Amino acid sequence: MLSWFNALMPREERFFDLFARHSETVAAGAKALREMLEGGDAVALNYKTVMDREQDADNITRDVLIAVRRTFITPFDRGDIKNLITAMDDAIVTAAGLVQEATPLLSSINTNSARISQISERISQIEGQADDLHDIGLQELYRANQPSNSMAFFIGVEVYDHLEKVVDRFDDVANEIHGIMLENV
């Protein structure tokens, strides 16, 4: 009975596209950050890219939040959409900022060993939280799309998996930094 009503209501199908764009943008910013850490000319060449990708990610986050307010029927719970985009942005940006903070500390590794350990631990915590968000997100995605929208589910899985892999790479970096610190202190 209500199916005709749902068919008439405005739907926003671009949430998954926005999630995918956000993850691609953050990954591009993280890649530029990695290249920036090469030092020398790479700093100047990649600094603008990092800042531009951060601005792009903020714009996409804003677009998602506006779409949540304007859309009558969303692919899953409005609060979950808002929490996902905010958590994605915060977790990856925080991890990238921590890596950015840690790398200069390596030049005085003995003096900075405690802070390097703290940073490495915090990035590992962020990675754990990202794993939890990944699992919760997949469960919610399944619940929201199980009977009728398998394509949205598969697209969502790809987005979640990509983001989880990005955060995993930051954890790998933290482990490397921590290992260097342990070997040299």
C-alpha atoms as a PDB file:
ATOM      1  CA  MET A   1       0.000   0.000   0.000  1.00  0.00           C
ATOM      2  CA  LEU A   2       2.737   2.457   0.883  1.00  0.00           C
ATOM      3  CA  SER A   3       4.938   1.432  -2.049  1.00  0.00           C
ATOM      4  CA  TRP A   4       3.220   3.959  -4.341  1.00  0.00           C
ATOM      5  CA  PHE A   5       3.832   6.653  -1.709  1.00  0.00           C
ATOM      6  CA  ASN A   6       7.509   5.751  -1.436  1.00  0.00           C
ATOM      7  CA  ALA A   7       7.813   5.831  -5.245  1.00  0.00           C
ATOM      8  CA  LEU A   8       6.600   9.441  -5.275  1.00  0.00           C
ATOM      9  CA  MET A   9       8.884  10.692  -2.504  1.00  0.00           C
ATOM     10  CA  PRO A  10      12.181  12.338  -3.453  1.00  0.00           C
ATOM     11  CA  ARG A  11      15.141  10.016  -3.024  1.00  0.00           C
ATOM     12  CA  GLU A  12      18.793  10.826  -2.797  1.00  0.00           C
ATOM     13  CA  GLU A  13      20.831   8.162  -4.527  1.00  0.00           C
ATOM     14  CA  ARG A  14      24.097  10.092  -4.533  1.00  0.00           C
ATOM     15  CA  PHE A  15      25.144   9.342  -0.946  1.00  0.00           C
ATOM     16  CA  PHE A  16      27.237   6.386  -2.066  1.00  0.00           C
ATOM     17  CA  ASP A  17      28.849   8.499  -4.779  1.00  0.00           C
ATOM     18  CA  LEU A  18      29.684  11.149  -2.195  1.00  0.00           C
ATOM     19  CA  PHE A  19      31.143   8.533   0.175  1.00  0.00           C
ATOM     20  CA  ALA A  20      33.275   7.161  -2.664  1.00  0.00           C
ATOM     21  CA  ARG A  21      34.420  10.657  -3.704  1.00  0.00           C
ATOM     22  CA  HIS A  22      35.296  11.433  -0.085  1.00  0.00           C
ATOM     23  CA  SER A  23      37.410   8.311   0.306  1.00  0.00           C
ATOM     24  CA  GLU A  24      39.177   8.977  -3.017  1.00  0.00           C
ATOM     25  CA  THR A  25      39.845  12.579  -2.004  1.00  0.00           C
ATOM     26  CA  VAL A  26      41.279  11.620   1.370  1.00  0.00           C
ATOM     27  CA  ALA A  27      43.381   8.878  -0.213  1.00  0.00           C
ATOM     28  CA  ALA A  28      44.751  11.414  -2.721  1.00  0.00           C
ATOM     29  CA  GLY A  29      45.560  13.783   0.140  1.00  0.00           C
ATOM     30  CA  ALA A  30      47.281  10.990   2.043  1.00  0.00           C
ATOM     31  CA  LYS A  31      49.286  10.081  -1.073  1.00  0.00           C
ATOM     32  CA  ALA A  32      50.374  13.709  -1.481  1.00  0.00           C
ATOM     33  CA  LEU A  33      51.280  13.786   2.205  1.00  0.00           C
ATOM     34  CA  ARG A  34      53.435  10.709   1.710  1.00  0.00           C
ATOM     35  CA  GLU A  35      55.159  12.310  -1.240  1.00  0.00           C
ATOM     36  CA  MET A  36      55.595  15.523   0.741  1.00  0.00           C
ATOM     37  CA  LEU A  37      57.496  13.575   3.380  1.00  0.00           C
ATOM     38  CA  GLU A  38      60.217  12.884   0.812  1.00  0.00           C
ATOM     39  CA  GLY A  39      61.483  16.346   1.746  1.00  0.00           C
ATOM     40  CA  GLY A  40      63.188  18.931  -0.397  1.00  0.00           C
ATOM     41  CA  ASP A  41      61.215  20.136  -3.396  1.00  0.00           C
ATOM     42  CA  ALA A  42      58.523  17.525  -2.696  1.00  0.00           C
ATOM     43  CA  VAL A  43      57.318  19.576   0.280  1.00  0.00           C
ATOM     44  CA  ALA A  44      56.424  22.619  -1.790  1.00  0.00           C
ATOM     45  CA  LEU A  45      55.054  20.533  -4.670  1.00  0.00           C
ATOM     46  CA  ASN A  46      52.721  18.472  -2.498  1.00  0.00           C
ATOM     47  CA  TYR A  47      51.746  20.873   0.278  1.00  0.00           C
ATOM     48  CA  LYS A  48      49.126  22.591  -1.881  1.00  0.00           C
ATOM     49  CA  THR A  49      47.721  19.226  -2.961  1.00  0.00           C
ATOM     50  CA  VAL A  50      47.349  18.125   0.654  1.00  0.00           C
ATOM     51  CA  MET A  51      45.579  21.358   1.553  1.00  0.00           C
ATOM     52  CA  ASP A  52      43.376  21.234  -1.558  1.00  0.00           C
ATOM     53  CA  ARG A  53      42.330  17.637  -0.863  1.00  0.00           C
ATOM     54  CA  GLU A  54      41.501  18.577   2.738  1.00  0.00           C
ATOM     55  CA  GLN A  55      39.277  21.376   1.416  1.00  0.00           C
ATOM     56  CA  ASP A  56      37.679  18.991  -1.096  1.00  0.00           C
ATOM     57  CA  ALA A  57      36.958  16.459   1.681  1.00  0.00           C
ATOM     58  CA  ASP A  58      35.398  19.199   3.796  1.00  0.00           C
ATOM     59  CA  ASN A  59      33.221  20.244   0.855  1.00  0.00           C
ATOM     60  CA  ILE A  60      32.049  16.680   0.263  1.00  0.00           C
ATOM     61  CA  THR A  61      31.277  16.299   3.976  1.00  0.00           C
ATOM     62  CA  ARG A  62      29.216  19.482   3.772  1.00  0.00           C
ATOM     63  CA  ASP A  63      27.398  18.155   0.677  1.00  0.00           C
ATOM     64  CA  VAL A  64      26.529  14.936   2.522  1.00  0.00           C
ATOM     65  CA  LEU A  65      25.223  16.821   5.545  1.00  0.00           C
ATOM     66  CA  ILE A  66      23.114  19.108   3.330  1.00  0.00           C
ATOM     67  CA  ALA A  67      21.765  16.124   1.396  1.00  0.00           C
ATOM     68  CA  VAL A  68      20.798  14.422   4.662  1.00  0.00           C
ATOM     69  CA  ARG A  69      18.714  17.457   5.606  1.00  0.00           C
ATOM     70  CA  ARG A  70      17.105  17.835   2.173  1.00  0.00           C
ATOM     71  CA  THR A  71      16.379  14.198   1.366  1.00  0.00           C
ATOM     72  CA  PHE A  72      13.149  12.585   2.422  1.00  0.00           C
ATOM     73  CA  ILE A  73      14.246   8.977   1.819  1.00  0.00           C
ATOM     74  CA  THR A  74      17.884   8.148   2.489  1.00  0.00           C
ATOM     75  CA  PRO A  75      19.603   4.805   1.725  1.00  0.00           C
ATOM     76  CA  PHE A  76      20.057   4.205   5.464  1.00  0.00           C
ATOM     77  CA  ASP A  77      19.520   6.027   8.742  1.00  0.00           C
ATOM     78  CA  ARG A  78      20.244   9.773   8.619  1.00  0.00           C
ATOM     79  CA  GLY A  79      22.232   9.668  11.832  1.00  0.00           C
ATOM     80  CA  ASP A  80      24.322   6.800  10.499  1.00  0.00           C
ATOM     81  CA  ILE A  81      25.072   8.725   7.306  1.00  0.00           C
ATOM     82  CA  LYS A  82      26.140  11.786   9.268  1.00  0.00           C
ATOM     83  CA  ASN A  83      28.228   9.717  11.684  1.00  0.00           C
ATOM     84  CA  LEU A  84      29.897   7.790   8.850  1.00  0.00           C
ATOM     85  CA  ILE A  85      31.008  10.811   6.844  1.00  0.00           C
ATOM     86  CA  THR A  86      32.175  12.646   9.956  1.00  0.00           C
ATOM     87  CA  ALA A  87      34.041   9.619  11.309  1.00  0.00           C
ATOM     88  CA  MET A  88      35.673   8.979   7.927  1.00  0.00           C
ATOM     89  CA  ASP A  89      36.843  12.538   7.705  1.00  0.00           C
ATOM     90  CA  ASP A  90      38.003  12.751  11.308  1.00  0.00           C
ATOM     91  CA  ALA A  91      39.772   9.372  11.510  1.00  0.00           C
ATOM     92  CA  ILE A  92      41.763   9.689   8.323  1.00  0.00           C
ATOM     93  CA  VAL A  93      42.606  13.343   8.799  1.00  0.00           C
ATOM     94  CA  THR A  94      43.628  12.702  12.405  1.00  0.00           C
ATOM     95  CA  ALA A  95      45.837   9.777  11.394  1.00  0.00           C
ATOM     96  CA  ALA A  96      47.422  11.836   8.616  1.00  0.00           C
ATOM     97  CA  GLY A  97      48.054  14.713  11.024  1.00  0.00           C
ATOM     98  CA  LEU A  98      49.659  12.383  13.540  1.00  0.00           C
ATOM     99  CA  VAL A  99      51.965  10.932  10.888  1.00  0.00           C
ATOM    100  CA  GLN A 100      52.799  14.479   9.860  1.00  0.00           C
ATOM    101  CA  GLU A 101      53.649  15.296  13.483  1.00  0.00           C
ATOM    102  CA  ALA A 102      55.717  12.143  14.019  1.00  0.00           C
ATOM    103  CA  THR A 103      58.049  12.274  11.064  1.00  0.00           C
ATOM    104  CA  PRO A 104      59.978  15.430  12.056  1.00  0.00           C
ATOM    105  CA  LEU A 105      60.399  13.979  15.554  1.00  0.00           C
ATOM    106  CA  LEU A 106      62.577  11.245  14.094  1.00  0.00           C
ATOM    107  CA  SER A 107      65.406  13.761  13.616  1.00  0.00           C
ATOM    108  CA  SER A 108      65.847  13.854  17.427  1.00  0.00           C
ATOM    109  CA  ILE A 109      64.671  10.349  18.141  1.00  0.00           C
ATOM    110  CA  ASN A 110      66.134  10.017  21.632  1.00  0.00           C
ATOM    111  CA  THR A 111      64.600  13.248  22.840  1.00  0.00           C
ATOM    112  CA  ASN A 112      61.232  12.545  21.214  1.00  0.00           C
ATOM    113  CA  SER A 113      60.882   8.811  21.880  1.00  0.00           C
ATOM    114  CA  ALA A 114      57.999   9.204  24.356  1.00  0.00           C
ATOM    115  CA  ARG A 115      55.984  11.374  21.966  1.00  0.00           C
ATOM    116  CA  ILE A 116      56.708   9.053  19.037  1.00  0.00           C
ATOM    117  CA  SER A 117      55.384   6.139  21.107  1.00  0.00           C
ATOM    118  CA  GLN A 118      52.252   8.123  22.017  1.00  0.00           C
ATOM    119  CA  ILE A 119      51.609   9.018  18.395  1.00  0.00           C
ATOM    120  CA  SER A 120      52.092   5.436  17.244  1.00  0.00           C
ATOM    121  CA  GLU A 121      49.703   4.188  19.919  1.00  0.00           C
ATOM    122  CA  ARG A 122      47.080   6.797  19.016  1.00  0.00           C
ATOM    123  CA  ILE A 123      47.204   5.861  15.319  1.00  0.00           C
ATOM    124  CA  SER A 124      46.762   2.198  16.271  1.00  0.00           C
ATOM    125  CA  GLN A 125      43.728   3.181  18.361  1.00  0.00           C
ATOM    126  CA  ILE A 126      42.290   5.070  15.397  1.00  0.00           C
ATOM    127  CA  GLU A 127      42.822   2.000  13.227  1.00  0.00           C
ATOM    128  CA  GLY A 128      40.967  -0.118  15.779  1.00  0.00           C
ATOM    129  CA  GLN A 129      38.103   2.362  15.822  1.00  0.00           C
ATOM    130  CA  ALA A 130      38.043   2.324  12.006  1.00  0.00           C
ATOM    131  CA  ASP A 131      37.785  -1.480  12.097  1.00  0.00           C
ATOM    132  CA  ASP A 132      34.841  -1.189  14.480  1.00  0.00           C
ATOM    133  CA  LEU A 133      33.168   1.426  12.257  1.00  0.00           C
ATOM    134  CA  HIS A 134      33.777  -0.810   9.264  1.00  0.00           C
ATOM    135  CA  ASP A 135      32.027  -3.748  10.924  1.00  0.00           C
ATOM    136  CA  ILE A 136      29.125  -1.653  12.222  1.00  0.00           C
ATOM    137  CA  GLY A 137      28.769   0.089   8.877  1.00  0.00           C
ATOM    138  CA  LEU A 138      28.598  -3.206   6.991  1.00  0.00           C
ATOM    139  CA  GLN A 139      25.938  -4.493   9.367  1.00  0.00           C
ATOM    140  CA  GLU A 140      23.849  -1.327   8.950  1.00  0.00           C
ATOM    141  CA  LEU A 141      24.356  -1.377   5.212  1.00  0.00           C
ATOM    142  CA  TYR A 142      23.179  -4.973   5.051  1.00  0.00           C
ATOM    143  CA  ARG A 143      20.120  -4.256   7.185  1.00  0.00           C
ATOM    144  CA  ALA A 144      19.192  -1.221   5.115  1.00  0.00           C
ATOM    145  CA  ASN A 145      19.628  -2.889   1.725  1.00  0.00           C
ATOM    146  CA  GLN A 146      19.151  -6.640   2.236  1.00  0.00           C
ATOM    147  CA  PRO A 147      15.801  -7.250   0.585  1.00  0.00           C
ATOM    148  CA  SER A 148      15.765  -4.826  -2.285  1.00  0.00           C
ATOM    149  CA  ASN A 149      18.915  -2.933  -3.091  1.00  0.00           C
ATOM    150  CA  SER A 150      21.873  -5.257  -3.441  1.00  0.00           C
ATOM    151  CA  MET A 151      23.758  -2.829  -5.721  1.00  0.00           C
ATOM    152  CA  ALA A 152      23.767  -0.137  -3.024  1.00  0.00           C
ATOM    153  CA  PHE A 153      25.039  -2.746  -0.576  1.00  0.00           C
ATOM    154  CA  PHE A 154      27.928  -3.759  -2.825  1.00  0.00           C
ATOM    155  CA  ILE A 155      28.859  -0.147  -3.541  1.00  0.00           C
ATOM    156  CA  GLY A 156      28.756   0.613   0.175  1.00  0.00           C
ATOM    157  CA  VAL A 157      30.955  -2.404   0.936  1.00  0.00           C
ATOM    158  CA  GLU A 158      33.550  -1.100  -1.523  1.00  0.00           C
ATOM    159  CA  VAL A 159      33.535   2.331   0.114  1.00  0.00           C
ATOM    160  CA  TYR A 160      33.873   0.886   3.618  1.00  0.00           C
ATOM    161  CA  ASP A 161      36.646  -1.490   2.537  1.00  0.00           C
ATOM    162  CA  HIS A 162      38.580   1.288   0.812  1.00  0.00           C
ATOM    163  CA  LEU A 163      38.415   3.551   3.855  1.00  0.00           C
ATOM    164  CA  GLU A 164      39.422   0.732   6.177  1.00  0.00           C
ATOM    165  CA  LYS A 165      42.460   0.012   3.976  1.00  0.00           C
ATOM    166  CA  VAL A 166      43.496   3.676   4.041  1.00  0.00           C
ATOM    167  CA  VAL A 167      43.438   3.711   7.837  1.00  0.00           C
ATOM    168  CA  ASP A 168      45.307   0.373   7.882  1.00  0.00           C
ATOM    169  CA  ARG A 169      48.100   2.007   5.884  1.00  0.00           C
ATOM    170  CA  PHE A 170      48.384   4.748   8.503  1.00  0.00           C
ATOM    171  CA  ASP A 171      48.678   2.038  11.154  1.00  0.00           C
ATOM    172  CA  ASP A 172      51.450   0.445   9.081  1.00  0.00           C
ATOM    173  CA  VAL A 173      53.249   3.797   9.047  1.00  0.00           C
ATOM    174  CA  ALA A 174      52.832   4.163  12.810  1.00  0.00           C
ATOM    175  CA  ASN A 175      54.266   0.686  13.307  1.00  0.00           C
ATOM    176  CA  GLU A 176      57.260   1.536  11.126  1.00  0.00           C
ATOM    177  CA  ILE A 177      57.888   4.793  12.983  1.00  0.00           C
ATOM    178  CA  HIS A 178      57.591   3.026  16.315  1.00  0.00           C
ATOM    179  CA  GLY A 179      59.957   0.283  15.124  1.00  0.00           C
ATOM    180  CA  ILE A 180      62.522   2.841  14.019  1.00  0.00           C
ATOM    181  CA  MET A 181      62.257   4.548  17.390  1.00  0.00           C
ATOM    182  CA  LEU A 182      62.724   1.253  19.272  1.00  0.00           C
ATOM    183  CA  GLU A 183      65.754   0.299  17.192  1.00  0.00           C
ATOM    184  CA  ASN A 184      67.441   3.655  17.719  1.00  0.00           C
ATOM    185  CA  VAL A 185      66.779   4.479  21.352  1.00  0.00           C
END
